Amino acid sequence: MNTRAEREATGRRGEALAAWYLRLKGWRILARRVKTPRGEIDLIARRGGTVAFIEVKWRERAEELDQAVDPYRLRRVAAAAEAVAHRHARPGDIQRIDVLLLAPGRFPRHMANALML
């Protein structure tokens, strides 16, 4: 079993890879690891008039990705997004919750609108 420090380091690497992937797709990273009393947002990114609050999940085995995110986790990200949206979204922007799933040897899977705001 991995220690908490090892899991933390792996999570940070996954978030860094996710940020690079999003940049290559035309997104601008606005913030990383945003903590609120309601929850944490791994990445906040903008592309045009869309602001995405992104949950990043890294798993050692691609088979584990399908169970990596559950409705409870998405609701916590949504609650955190509501708390900080005013800092990142402009009037008229589309705001959404996305999920980015990563595993070694696999192309990232970006699930847009995993939970609509």
PDB file of N, CA and C in Angstrom:
ATOM      1  N   MET A   1       0.843  -1.186   0.000  1.00  0.00           N
ATOM      2  CA  MET A   1       0.000   0.000   0.000  1.00  0.00           C
ATOM      3  C   MET A   1       0.886   1.247   0.000  1.00  0.00           C
ATOM      4  N   ASN A   2       0.477   2.242  -0.747  1.00  0.00           N
ATOM      5  CA  ASN A   2       1.226   3.490  -0.814  1.00  0.00           C
ATOM      6  C   ASN A   2       0.986   4.344   0.418  1.00  0.00           C
ATOM      7  N   THR A   3       1.999   5.084   0.790  1.00  0.00           N
ATOM      8  CA  THR A   3       1.824   6.026   1.895  1.00  0.00           C
ATOM      9  C   THR A   3       1.058   7.238   1.403  1.00  0.00           C
ATOM     10  N   ARG A   4       0.572   8.017   2.330  1.00  0.00           N
ATOM     11  CA  ARG A   4      -0.151   9.243   1.976  1.00  0.00           C
ATOM     12  C   ARG A   4       0.744  10.169   1.149  1.00  0.00           C
ATOM     13  N   ALA A   5       2.017  10.287   1.517  1.00  0.00           N
ATOM     14  CA  ALA A   5       2.953  11.151   0.780  1.00  0.00           C
ATOM     15  C   ALA A   5       3.139  10.658  -0.654  1.00  0.00           C
ATOM     16  N   GLU A   6       3.199   9.334  -0.839  1.00  0.00           N
ATOM     17  CA  GLU A   6       3.346   8.786  -2.188  1.00  0.00           C
ATOM     18  C   GLU A   6       2.091   9.047  -3.016  1.00  0.00           C
ATOM     19  N   ARG A   7       0.933   8.881  -2.402  1.00  0.00           N
ATOM     20  CA  ARG A   7      -0.323   9.164  -3.117  1.00  0.00           C
ATOM     21  C   ARG A   7      -0.415  10.639  -3.483  1.00  0.00           C
ATOM     22  N   GLU A   8       0.013  11.500  -2.565  1.00  0.00           N
ATOM     23  CA  GLU A   8       0.004  12.943  -2.816  1.00  0.00           C
ATOM     24  C   GLU A   8       0.908  13.285  -4.000  1.00  0.00           C
ATOM     25  N   ALA A   9       2.106  12.730  -4.022  1.00  0.00           N
ATOM     26  CA  ALA A   9       3.054  12.989  -5.122  1.00  0.00           C
ATOM     27  C   ALA A   9       2.507  12.470  -6.450  1.00  0.00           C
ATOM     28  N   THR A  10       1.899  11.294  -6.421  1.00  0.00           N
ATOM     29  CA  THR A  10       1.305  10.738  -7.637  1.00  0.00           C
ATOM     30  C   THR A  10       0.163  11.627  -8.122  1.00  0.00           C
ATOM     31  N   GLY A  11      -0.656  12.114  -7.197  1.00  0.00           N
ATOM     32  CA  GLY A  11      -1.750  13.016  -7.563  1.00  0.00           C
ATOM     33  C   GLY A  11      -1.252  14.305  -8.181  1.00  0.00           C
ATOM     34  N   ARG A  12      -0.194  14.851  -7.628  1.00  0.00           N
ATOM     35  CA  ARG A  12       0.375  16.086  -8.188  1.00  0.00           C
ATOM     36  C   ARG A  12       0.926  15.855  -9.595  1.00  0.00           C
ATOM     37  N   ARG A  13       1.573  14.716  -9.809  1.00  0.00           N
ATOM     38  CA  ARG A  13       2.078  14.401 -11.152  1.00  0.00           C
ATOM     39  C   ARG A  13       0.910  14.253 -12.124  1.00  0.00           C
ATOM     40  N   GLY A  14      -0.138  13.589 -11.693  1.00  0.00           N
ATOM     41  CA  GLY A  14      -1.317  13.440 -12.545  1.00  0.00           C
ATOM     42  C   GLY A  14      -1.928  14.785 -12.900  1.00  0.00           C
ATOM     43  N   GLU A  15      -2.001  15.678 -11.929  1.00  0.00           N
ATOM     44  CA  GLU A  15      -2.551  17.016 -12.184  1.00  0.00           C
ATOM     45  C   GLU A  15      -1.659  17.807 -13.133  1.00  0.00           C
ATOM     46  N   ALA A  16      -0.346  17.656 -13.005  1.00  0.00           N
ATOM     47  CA  ALA A  16       0.572  18.345 -13.921  1.00  0.00           C
ATOM     48  C   ALA A  16       0.395  17.819 -15.346  1.00  0.00           C
ATOM     49  N   LEU A  17       0.275  16.501 -15.497  1.00  0.00           N
ATOM     50  CA  LEU A  17       0.037  15.927 -16.823  1.00  0.00           C
ATOM     51  C   LEU A  17      -1.301  16.389 -17.388  1.00  0.00           C
ATOM     52  N   ALA A  18      -2.309  16.436 -16.545  1.00  0.00           N
ATOM     53  CA  ALA A  18      -3.628  16.898 -16.979  1.00  0.00           C
ATOM     54  C   ALA A  18      -3.562  18.341 -17.459  1.00  0.00           C
ATOM     55  N   ALA A  19      -2.829  19.178 -16.734  1.00  0.00           N
ATOM     56  CA  ALA A  19      -2.704  20.585 -17.121  1.00  0.00           C
ATOM     57  C   ALA A  19      -2.025  20.709 -18.490  1.00  0.00           C
ATOM     58  N   TRP A  20      -0.983  19.922 -18.722  1.00  0.00           N
ATOM     59  CA  TRP A  20      -0.318  19.964 -20.029  1.00  0.00           C
ATOM     60  C   TRP A  20      -1.251  19.490 -21.134  1.00  0.00           C
ATOM     61  N   TYR A  21      -1.971  18.435 -20.882  1.00  0.00           N
ATOM     62  CA  TYR A  21      -2.920  17.923 -21.867  1.00  0.00           C
ATOM     63  C   TYR A  21      -3.951  18.997 -22.221  1.00  0.00           C
ATOM     64  N   LEU A  22      -4.506  19.649 -21.209  1.00  0.00           N
ATOM     65  CA  LEU A  22      -5.502  20.692 -21.453  1.00  0.00           C
ATOM     66  C   LEU A  22      -4.911  21.863 -22.229  1.00  0.00           C
ATOM     67  N   ARG A  23      -3.695  22.262 -21.892  1.00  0.00           N
ATOM     68  CA  ARG A  23      -3.037  23.346 -22.642  1.00  0.00           C
ATOM     69  C   ARG A  23      -2.898  22.980 -24.114  1.00  0.00           C
ATOM     70  N   LEU A  24      -2.518  21.746 -24.385  1.00  0.00           N
ATOM     71  CA  LEU A  24      -2.390  21.303 -25.779  1.00  0.00           C
ATOM     72  C   LEU A  24      -3.729  21.325 -26.509  1.00  0.00           C
ATOM     73  N   LYS A  25      -4.825  21.231 -25.776  1.00  0.00           N
ATOM     74  CA  LYS A  25      -6.172  21.283 -26.347  1.00  0.00           C
ATOM     75  C   LYS A  25      -6.738  22.705 -26.373  1.00  0.00           C
ATOM     76  N   GLY A  26      -5.909  23.701 -26.045  1.00  0.00           N
ATOM     77  CA  GLY A  26      -6.342  25.094 -26.138  1.00  0.00           C
ATOM     78  C   GLY A  26      -6.892  25.704 -24.870  1.00  0.00           C
ATOM     79  N   TRP A  27      -6.790  25.000 -23.746  1.00  0.00           N
ATOM     80  CA  TRP A  27      -7.275  25.528 -22.477  1.00  0.00           C
ATOM     81  C   TRP A  27      -6.179  26.333 -21.794  1.00  0.00           C
ATOM     82  N   ARG A  28      -6.582  27.338 -21.058  1.00  0.00           N
ATOM     83  CA  ARG A  28      -5.657  28.112 -20.218  1.00  0.00           C
ATOM     84  C   ARG A  28      -5.950  27.732 -18.774  1.00  0.00           C
ATOM     85  N   ILE A  29      -4.932  27.339 -18.052  1.00  0.00           N
ATOM     86  CA  ILE A  29      -5.100  26.939 -16.650  1.00  0.00           C
ATOM     87  C   ILE A  29      -5.178  28.206 -15.801  1.00  0.00           C
ATOM     88  N   LEU A  30      -6.284  28.359 -15.093  1.00  0.00           N
ATOM     89  CA  LEU A  30      -6.492  29.538 -14.255  1.00  0.00           C
ATOM     90  C   LEU A  30      -6.041  29.302 -12.818  1.00  0.00           C
ATOM     91  N   ALA A  31      -6.189  28.071 -12.333  1.00  0.00           N
ATOM     92  CA  ALA A  31      -5.826  27.779 -10.942  1.00  0.00           C
ATOM     93  C   ALA A  31      -5.642  26.280 -10.776  1.00  0.00           C
ATOM     94  N   ARG A  32      -4.850  25.920  -9.763  1.00  0.00           N
ATOM     95  CA  ARG A  32      -4.605  24.520  -9.411  1.00  0.00           C
ATOM     96  C   ARG A  32      -4.859  24.323  -7.928  1.00  0.00           C
ATOM     97  N   ARG A  33      -5.372  23.155  -7.594  1.00  0.00           N
ATOM     98  CA  ARG A  33      -5.550  22.758  -6.193  1.00  0.00           C
ATOM     99  C   ARG A  33      -6.226  23.833  -5.353  1.00  0.00           C
ATOM    100  N   VAL A  34      -7.394  24.223  -5.757  1.00  0.00           N
ATOM    101  CA  VAL A  34      -8.145  25.260  -5.061  1.00  0.00           C
ATOM    102  C   VAL A  34      -8.928  24.606  -3.927  1.00  0.00           C
ATOM    103  N   LYS A  35      -8.625  25.005  -2.721  1.00  0.00           N
ATOM    104  CA  LYS A  35      -9.290  24.441  -1.542  1.00  0.00           C
ATOM    105  C   LYS A  35     -10.327  25.426  -1.019  1.00  0.00           C
ATOM    106  N   THR A  36     -11.506  24.904  -0.708  1.00  0.00           N
ATOM    107  CA  THR A  36     -12.563  25.695  -0.106  1.00  0.00           C
ATOM    108  C   THR A  36     -13.117  24.880   1.065  1.00  0.00           C
ATOM    109  N   PRO A  37     -13.896  25.494   1.932  1.00  0.00           N
ATOM    110  CA  PRO A  37     -14.525  24.713   3.007  1.00  0.00           C
ATOM    111  C   PRO A  37     -15.451  23.611   2.474  1.00  0.00           C
ATOM    112  N   ARG A  38     -15.910  23.760   1.249  1.00  0.00           N
ATOM    113  CA  ARG A  38     -16.849  22.793   0.668  1.00  0.00           C
ATOM    114  C   ARG A  38     -16.164  21.644  -0.062  1.00  0.00           C
ATOM    115  N   GLY A  39     -14.892  21.803  -0.408  1.00  0.00           N
ATOM    116  CA  GLY A  39     -14.186  20.771  -1.158  1.00  0.00           C
ATOM    117  C   GLY A  39     -13.008  21.359  -1.908  1.00  0.00           C
ATOM    118  N   GLU A  40     -12.392  20.536  -2.737  1.00  0.00           N
ATOM    119  CA  GLU A  40     -11.209  20.940  -3.488  1.00  0.00           C
ATOM    120  C   GLU A  40     -11.452  20.767  -4.980  1.00  0.00           C
ATOM    121  N   ILE A  41     -10.874  21.681  -5.746  1.00  0.00           N
ATOM    122  CA  ILE A  41     -10.922  21.614  -7.203  1.00  0.00           C
ATOM    123  C   ILE A  41      -9.492  21.411  -7.672  1.00  0.00           C
ATOM    124  N   ASP A  42      -9.253  20.363  -8.451  1.00  0.00           N
ATOM    125  CA  ASP A  42      -7.891  20.071  -8.894  1.00  0.00           C
ATOM    126  C   ASP A  42      -7.388  21.119  -9.873  1.00  0.00           C
ATOM    127  N   LEU A  43      -8.177  21.427 -10.894  1.00  0.00           N
ATOM    128  CA  LEU A  43      -7.790  22.425 -11.903  1.00  0.00           C
ATOM    129  C   LEU A  43      -9.004  23.273 -12.273  1.00  0.00           C
ATOM    130  N   ILE A  44      -8.748  24.535 -12.552  1.00  0.00           N
ATOM    131  CA  ILE A  44      -9.759  25.411 -13.135  1.00  0.00           C
ATOM    132  C   ILE A  44      -9.156  25.907 -14.443  1.00  0.00           C
ATOM    133  N   ALA A  45      -9.894  25.737 -15.529  1.00  0.00           N
ATOM    134  CA  ALA A  45      -9.359  26.084 -16.846  1.00  0.00           C
ATOM    135  C   ALA A  45     -10.409  26.835 -17.660  1.00  0.00           C
ATOM    136  N   ARG A  46      -9.912  27.631 -18.599  1.00  0.00           N
ATOM    137  CA  ARG A  46     -10.779  28.413 -19.484  1.00  0.00           C
ATOM    138  C   ARG A  46     -10.380  28.159 -20.932  1.00  0.00           C
ATOM    139  N   ARG A  47     -11.409  28.040 -21.774  1.00  0.00           N
ATOM    140  CA  ARG A  47     -11.219  28.044 -23.223  1.00  0.00           C
ATOM    141  C   ARG A  47     -12.383  28.827 -23.792  1.00  0.00           C
ATOM    142  N   GLY A  48     -12.076  29.975 -24.361  1.00  0.00           N
ATOM    143  CA  GLY A  48     -13.124  30.845 -24.882  1.00  0.00           C
ATOM    144  C   GLY A  48     -14.058  31.267 -23.767  1.00  0.00           C
ATOM    145  N   GLY A  49     -15.343  31.053 -23.971  1.00  0.00           N
ATOM    146  CA  GLY A  49     -16.348  31.438 -22.981  1.00  0.00           C
ATOM    147  C   GLY A  49     -16.755  30.306 -22.053  1.00  0.00           C
ATOM    148  N   THR A  50     -15.891  29.307 -21.917  1.00  0.00           N
ATOM    149  CA  THR A  50     -16.188  28.173 -21.031  1.00  0.00           C
ATOM    150  C   THR A  50     -15.157  28.101 -19.918  1.00  0.00           C
ATOM    151  N   VAL A  51     -15.639  27.971 -18.695  1.00  0.00           N
ATOM    152  CA  VAL A  51     -14.777  27.742 -17.541  1.00  0.00           C
ATOM    153  C   VAL A  51     -15.106  26.353 -17.007  1.00  0.00           C
ATOM    154  N   ALA A  52     -14.072  25.516 -16.904  1.00  0.00           N
ATOM    155  CA  ALA A  52     -14.253  24.151 -16.411  1.00  0.00           C
ATOM    156  C   ALA A  52     -13.564  23.994 -15.066  1.00  0.00           C
ATOM    157  N   PHE A  53     -14.283  23.397 -14.136  1.00  0.00           N
ATOM    158  CA  PHE A  53     -13.769  23.039 -12.823  1.00  0.00           C
ATOM    159  C   PHE A  53     -13.511  21.529 -12.929  1.00  0.00           C
ATOM    160  N   ILE A  54     -12.243  21.143 -12.845  1.00  0.00           N
ATOM    161  CA  ILE A  54     -11.846  19.804 -13.287  1.00  0.00           C
ATOM    162  C   ILE A  54     -11.349  18.937 -12.139  1.00  0.00           C
ATOM    163  N   GLU A  55     -11.936  17.753 -12.050  1.00  0.00           N
ATOM    164  CA  GLU A  55     -11.483  16.714 -11.130  1.00  0.00           C
ATOM    165  C   GLU A  55     -10.546  15.807 -11.918  1.00  0.00           C
ATOM    166  N   VAL A  56      -9.325  15.638 -11.435  1.00  0.00           N
ATOM    167  CA  VAL A  56      -8.325  14.806 -12.106  1.00  0.00           C
ATOM    168  C   VAL A  56      -8.152  13.526 -11.304  1.00  0.00           C
ATOM    169  N   LYS A  57      -8.170  12.403 -11.998  1.00  0.00           N
ATOM    170  CA  LYS A  57      -7.941  11.117 -11.340  1.00  0.00           C
ATOM    171  C   LYS A  57      -6.861  10.351 -12.090  1.00  0.00           C
ATOM    172  N   TRP A  58      -5.873   9.883 -11.349  1.00  0.00           N
ATOM    173  CA  TRP A  58      -4.787   9.064 -11.869  1.00  0.00           C
ATOM    174  C   TRP A  58      -4.912   7.687 -11.226  1.00  0.00           C
ATOM    175  N   ARG A  59      -4.844   6.662 -12.037  1.00  0.00           N
ATOM    176  CA  ARG A  59      -4.848   5.301 -11.527  1.00  0.00           C
ATOM    177  C   ARG A  59      -3.716   4.532 -12.202  1.00  0.00           C
ATOM    178  N   GLU A  60      -3.115   3.625 -11.469  1.00  0.00           N
ATOM    179  CA  GLU A  60      -2.031   2.807 -12.017  1.00  0.00           C
ATOM    180  C   GLU A  60      -2.535   1.846 -13.089  1.00  0.00           C
ATOM    181  N   ARG A  61      -3.794   1.439 -12.975  1.00  0.00           N
ATOM    182  CA  ARG A  61      -4.385   0.524 -13.951  1.00  0.00           C
ATOM    183  C   ARG A  61      -5.585   1.190 -14.596  1.00  0.00           C
ATOM    184  N   ALA A  62      -5.617   1.188 -15.919  1.00  0.00           N
ATOM    185  CA  ALA A  62      -6.706   1.837 -16.650  1.00  0.00           C
ATOM    186  C   ALA A  62      -8.065   1.261 -16.281  1.00  0.00           C
ATOM    187  N   GLU A  63      -8.108  -0.029 -15.902  1.00  0.00           N
ATOM    188  CA  GLU A  63      -9.371  -0.670 -15.548  1.00  0.00           C
ATOM    189  C   GLU A  63     -10.011  -0.019 -14.317  1.00  0.00           C
ATOM    190  N   GLU A  64      -9.204   0.628 -13.500  1.00  0.00           N
ATOM    191  CA  GLU A  64      -9.712   1.250 -12.277  1.00  0.00           C
ATOM    192  C   GLU A  64     -10.317   2.635 -12.512  1.00  0.00           C
ATOM    193  N   LEU A  65     -10.140   3.190 -13.701  1.00  0.00           N
ATOM    194  CA  LEU A  65     -10.606   4.553 -13.966  1.00  0.00           C
ATOM    195  C   LEU A  65     -12.125   4.688 -13.940  1.00  0.00           C
ATOM    196  N   ASP A  66     -12.825   3.650 -14.356  1.00  0.00           N
ATOM    197  CA  ASP A  66     -14.289   3.742 -14.401  1.00  0.00           C
ATOM    198  C   ASP A  66     -14.907   3.935 -13.026  1.00  0.00           C
ATOM    199  N   GLN A  67     -14.222   3.504 -11.984  1.00  0.00           N
ATOM    200  CA  GLN A  67     -14.734   3.668 -10.623  1.00  0.00           C
ATOM    201  C   GLN A  67     -14.031   4.799  -9.874  1.00  0.00           C
ATOM    202  N   ALA A  68     -13.238   5.588 -10.560  1.00  0.00           N
ATOM    203  CA  ALA A  68     -12.425   6.614  -9.894  1.00  0.00           C
ATOM    204  C   ALA A  68     -13.248   7.802  -9.389  1.00  0.00           C
ATOM    205  N   VAL A  69     -14.358   8.097 -10.035  1.00  0.00           N
ATOM    206  CA  VAL A  69     -15.160   9.264  -9.665  1.00  0.00           C
ATOM    207  C   VAL A  69     -16.591   8.810  -9.403  1.00  0.00           C
ATOM    208  N   ASP A  70     -17.133   9.298  -8.303  1.00  0.00           N
ATOM    209  CA  ASP A  70     -18.509   8.951  -7.961  1.00  0.00           C
ATOM    210  C   ASP A  70     -19.332  10.223  -7.795  1.00  0.00           C
ATOM    211  N   PRO A  71     -20.655  10.100  -7.722  1.00  0.00           N
ATOM    212  CA  PRO A  71     -21.512  11.290  -7.596  1.00  0.00           C
ATOM    213  C   PRO A  71     -21.183  12.148  -6.371  1.00  0.00           C
ATOM    214  N   TYR A  72     -20.806  11.525  -5.276  1.00  0.00           N
ATOM    215  CA  TYR A  72     -20.449  12.286  -4.072  1.00  0.00           C
ATOM    216  C   TYR A  72     -19.274  13.217  -4.361  1.00  0.00           C
ATOM    217  N   ARG A  73     -18.227  12.687  -4.993  1.00  0.00           N
ATOM    218  CA  ARG A  73     -17.039  13.484  -5.320  1.00  0.00           C
ATOM    219  C   ARG A  73     -17.414  14.632  -6.256  1.00  0.00           C
ATOM    220  N   LEU A  74     -18.231  14.361  -7.251  1.00  0.00           N
ATOM    221  CA  LEU A  74     -18.631  15.406  -8.195  1.00  0.00           C
ATOM    222  C   LEU A  74     -19.449  16.494  -7.506  1.00  0.00           C
ATOM    223  N   ARG A  75     -20.309  16.112  -6.564  1.00  0.00           N
ATOM    224  CA  ARG A  75     -21.079  17.129  -5.829  1.00  0.00           C
ATOM    225  C   ARG A  75     -20.157  18.009  -4.993  1.00  0.00           C
ATOM    226  N   ARG A  76     -19.113  17.427  -4.418  1.00  0.00           N
ATOM    227  CA  ARG A  76     -18.152  18.227  -3.635  1.00  0.00           C
ATOM    228  C   ARG A  76     -17.390  19.196  -4.544  1.00  0.00           C
ATOM    229  N   VAL A  77     -17.008  18.751  -5.730  1.00  0.00           N
ATOM    230  CA  VAL A  77     -16.341  19.646  -6.682  1.00  0.00           C
ATOM    231  C   VAL A  77     -17.302  20.756  -7.095  1.00  0.00           C
ATOM    232  N   ALA A  78     -18.562  20.413  -7.338  1.00  0.00           N
ATOM    233  CA  ALA A  78     -19.558  21.419  -7.722  1.00  0.00           C
ATOM    234  C   ALA A  78     -19.764  22.442  -6.611  1.00  0.00           C
ATOM    235  N   ALA A  79     -19.824  21.984  -5.363  1.00  0.00           N
ATOM    236  CA  ALA A  79     -19.988  22.910  -4.238  1.00  0.00           C
ATOM    237  C   ALA A  79     -18.776  23.834  -4.130  1.00  0.00           C
ATOM    238  N   ALA A  80     -17.591  23.291  -4.308  1.00  0.00           N
ATOM    239  CA  ALA A  80     -16.377  24.117  -4.272  1.00  0.00           C
ATOM    240  C   ALA A  80     -16.379  25.107  -5.435  1.00  0.00           C
ATOM    241  N   ALA A  81     -16.829  24.647  -6.609  1.00  0.00           N
ATOM    242  CA  ALA A  81     -16.882  25.527  -7.782  1.00  0.00           C
ATOM    243  C   ALA A  81     -17.825  26.703  -7.543  1.00  0.00           C
ATOM    244  N   GLU A  82     -18.963  26.430  -6.925  1.00  0.00           N
ATOM    245  CA  GLU A  82     -19.903  27.517  -6.617  1.00  0.00           C
ATOM    246  C   GLU A  82     -19.258  28.561  -5.709  1.00  0.00           C
ATOM    247  N   ALA A  83     -18.397  28.098  -4.815  1.00  0.00           N
ATOM    248  CA  ALA A  83     -17.761  29.016  -3.866  1.00  0.00           C
ATOM    249  C   ALA A  83     -16.732  29.932  -4.523  1.00  0.00           C
ATOM    250  N   VAL A  84     -16.131  29.498  -5.639  1.00  0.00           N
ATOM    251  CA  VAL A  84     -15.053  30.295  -6.246  1.00  0.00           C
ATOM    252  C   VAL A  84     -15.348  30.746  -7.671  1.00  0.00           C
ATOM    253  N   ALA A  85     -16.497  30.380  -8.214  1.00  0.00           N
ATOM    254  CA  ALA A  85     -16.809  30.711  -9.605  1.00  0.00           C
ATOM    255  C   ALA A  85     -16.723  32.210  -9.874  1.00  0.00           C
ATOM    256  N   HIS A  86     -17.122  33.010  -8.915  1.00  0.00           N
ATOM    257  CA  HIS A  86     -17.114  34.466  -9.110  1.00  0.00           C
ATOM    258  C   HIS A  86     -15.698  34.994  -9.389  1.00  0.00           C
ATOM    259  N   ARG A  87     -14.675  34.271  -8.998  1.00  0.00           N
ATOM    260  CA  ARG A  87     -13.285  34.707  -9.244  1.00  0.00           C
ATOM    261  C   ARG A  87     -12.814  34.386 -10.658  1.00  0.00           C
ATOM    262  N   HIS A  88     -13.457  33.415 -11.307  1.00  0.00           N
ATOM    263  CA  HIS A  88     -12.930  32.912 -12.572  1.00  0.00           C
ATOM    264  C   HIS A  88     -13.874  33.058 -13.758  1.00  0.00           C
ATOM    265  N   ALA A  89     -15.162  33.082 -13.509  1.00  0.00           N
ATOM    266  CA  ALA A  89     -16.131  33.153 -14.593  1.00  0.00           C
ATOM    267  C   ALA A  89     -16.617  34.590 -14.780  1.00  0.00           C
ATOM    268  N   ARG A  90     -16.850  34.922 -16.035  1.00  0.00           N
ATOM    269  CA  ARG A  90     -17.405  36.233 -16.381  1.00  0.00           C
ATOM    270  C   ARG A  90     -18.895  36.058 -16.688  1.00  0.00           C
ATOM    271  N   PRO A  91     -19.640  37.148 -16.640  1.00  0.00           N
ATOM    272  CA  PRO A  91     -21.058  37.044 -17.006  1.00  0.00           C
ATOM    273  C   PRO A  91     -21.201  36.436 -18.409  1.00  0.00           C
ATOM    274  N   GLY A  92     -22.082  35.480 -18.538  1.00  0.00           N
ATOM    275  CA  GLY A  92     -22.322  34.827 -19.827  1.00  0.00           C
ATOM    276  C   GLY A  92     -21.455  33.603 -20.081  1.00  0.00           C
ATOM    277  N   ASP A  93     -20.450  33.362 -19.253  1.00  0.00           N
ATOM    278  CA  ASP A  93     -19.610  32.175 -19.432  1.00  0.00           C
ATOM    279  C   ASP A  93     -20.398  30.904 -19.144  1.00  0.00           C
ATOM    280  N   ILE A  94     -20.050  29.857 -19.837  1.00  0.00           N
ATOM    281  CA  ILE A  94     -20.547  28.528 -19.524  1.00  0.00           C
ATOM    282  C   ILE A  94     -19.646  27.977 -18.431  1.00  0.00           C
ATOM    283  N   GLN A  95     -20.251  27.461 -17.374  1.00  0.00           N
ATOM    284  CA  GLN A  95     -19.492  26.842 -16.290  1.00  0.00           C
ATOM    285  C   GLN A  95     -19.869  25.380 -16.230  1.00  0.00           C
ATOM    286  N   ARG A  96     -18.862  24.533 -16.071  1.00  0.00           N
ATOM    287  CA  ARG A  96     -19.144  23.104 -16.025  1.00  0.00           C
ATOM    288  C   ARG A  96     -18.125  22.366 -15.166  1.00  0.00           C
ATOM    289  N   ILE A  97     -18.510  21.158 -14.769  1.00  0.00           N
ATOM    290  CA  ILE A  97     -17.634  20.263 -14.032  1.00  0.00           C
ATOM    291  C   ILE A  97     -17.154  19.208 -15.020  1.00  0.00           C
ATOM    292  N   ASP A  98     -15.846  19.083 -15.170  1.00  0.00           N
ATOM    293  CA  ASP A  98     -15.248  18.081 -16.043  1.00  0.00           C
ATOM    294  C   ASP A  98     -14.456  17.092 -15.202  1.00  0.00           C
ATOM    295  N   VAL A  99     -14.190  15.945 -15.782  1.00  0.00           N
ATOM    296  CA  VAL A  99     -13.332  14.942 -15.164  1.00  0.00           C
ATOM    297  C   VAL A  99     -12.274  14.568 -16.194  1.00  0.00           C
ATOM    298  N   LEU A 100     -11.035  14.454 -15.742  1.00  0.00           N
ATOM    299  CA  LEU A 100      -9.940  14.022 -16.607  1.00  0.00           C
ATOM    300  C   LEU A 100      -9.320  12.786 -15.976  1.00  0.00           C
ATOM    301  N   LEU A 101      -9.400  11.668 -16.692  1.00  0.00           N
ATOM    302  CA  LEU A 101      -8.924  10.383 -16.189  1.00  0.00           C
ATOM    303  C   LEU A 101      -7.610  10.014 -16.864  1.00  0.00           C
ATOM    304  N   LEU A 102      -6.622   9.625 -16.053  1.00  0.00           N
ATOM    305  CA  LEU A 102      -5.283   9.324 -16.556  1.00  0.00           C
ATOM    306  C   LEU A 102      -4.798   7.985 -16.011  1.00  0.00           C
ATOM    307  N   ALA A 103      -4.072   7.250 -16.860  1.00  0.00           N
ATOM    308  CA  ALA A 103      -3.426   5.997 -16.455  1.00  0.00           C
ATOM    309  C   ALA A 103      -2.201   5.814 -17.346  1.00  0.00           C
ATOM    310  N   PRO A 104      -1.175   5.128 -16.844  1.00  0.00           N
ATOM    311  CA  PRO A 104       0.030   4.915 -17.649  1.00  0.00           C
ATOM    312  C   PRO A 104      -0.286   4.205 -18.962  1.00  0.00           C
ATOM    313  N   GLY A 105       0.322   4.688 -20.030  1.00  0.00           N
ATOM    314  CA  GLY A 105       0.165   4.052 -21.331  1.00  0.00           C
ATOM    315  C   GLY A 105      -1.172   4.263 -21.997  1.00  0.00           C
ATOM    316  N   ARG A 106      -1.998   5.122 -21.443  1.00  0.00           N
ATOM    317  CA  ARG A 106      -3.319   5.403 -22.013  1.00  0.00           C
ATOM    318  C   ARG A 106      -3.438   6.874 -22.355  1.00  0.00           C
ATOM    319  N   PHE A 107      -4.181   7.150 -23.409  1.00  0.00           N
ATOM    320  CA  PHE A 107      -4.478   8.530 -23.760  1.00  0.00           C
ATOM    321  C   PHE A 107      -5.437   9.079 -22.709  1.00  0.00           C
ATOM    322  N   PRO A 108      -5.272  10.324 -22.269  1.00  0.00           N
ATOM    323  CA  PRO A 108      -6.192  10.880 -21.272  1.00  0.00           C
ATOM    324  C   PRO A 108      -7.638  10.862 -21.766  1.00  0.00           C
ATOM    325  N   ARG A 109      -8.551  10.625 -20.841  1.00  0.00           N
ATOM    326  CA  ARG A 109      -9.983  10.648 -21.162  1.00  0.00           C
ATOM    327  C   ARG A 109     -10.593  11.869 -20.477  1.00  0.00           C
ATOM    328  N   HIS A 110     -11.035  12.823 -21.299  1.00  0.00           N
ATOM    329  CA  HIS A 110     -11.620  14.073 -20.802  1.00  0.00           C
ATOM    330  C   HIS A 110     -13.133  13.939 -20.917  1.00  0.00           C
ATOM    331  N   MET A 111     -13.781  13.917 -19.758  1.00  0.00           N
ATOM    332  CA  MET A 111     -15.241  13.825 -19.707  1.00  0.00           C
ATOM    333  C   MET A 111     -15.797  15.228 -19.443  1.00  0.00           C
ATOM    334  N   ALA A 112     -16.214  15.892 -20.506  1.00  0.00           N
ATOM    335  CA  ALA A 112     -16.781  17.228 -20.391  1.00  0.00           C
ATOM    336  C   ALA A 112     -18.198  17.137 -19.830  1.00  0.00           C
ATOM    337  N   ASN A 113     -18.579  18.132 -19.039  1.00  0.00           N
ATOM    338  CA  ASN A 113     -19.933  18.191 -18.486  1.00  0.00           C
ATOM    339  C   ASN A 113     -20.283  16.960 -17.662  1.00  0.00           C
ATOM    340  N   ALA A 114     -19.338  16.491 -16.867  1.00  0.00           N
ATOM    341  CA  ALA A 114     -19.617  15.338 -16.013  1.00  0.00           C
ATOM    342  C   ALA A 114     -20.747  15.671 -15.037  1.00  0.00           C
ATOM    343  N   LEU A 115     -20.861  16.952 -14.716  1.00  0.00           N
ATOM    344  CA  LEU A 115     -21.948  17.441 -13.875  1.00  0.00           C
ATOM    345  C   LEU A 115     -22.202  18.873 -14.288  1.00  0.00           C
ATOM    346  N   MET A 116     -23.368  19.148 -14.806  1.00  0.00           N
ATOM    347  CA  MET A 116     -23.682  20.505 -15.272  1.00  0.00           C
ATOM    348  C   MET A 116     -23.974  21.411 -14.088  1.00  0.00           C
ATOM    349  N   LEU A 117     -23.503  22.663 -14.189  1.00  0.00           N
ATOM    350  CA  LEU A 117     -23.795  23.679 -13.171  1.00  0.00           C
ATOM    351  C   LEU A 117     -24.958  24.530 -13.630  1.00  0.00           C
TER     352      LEU A 117
END
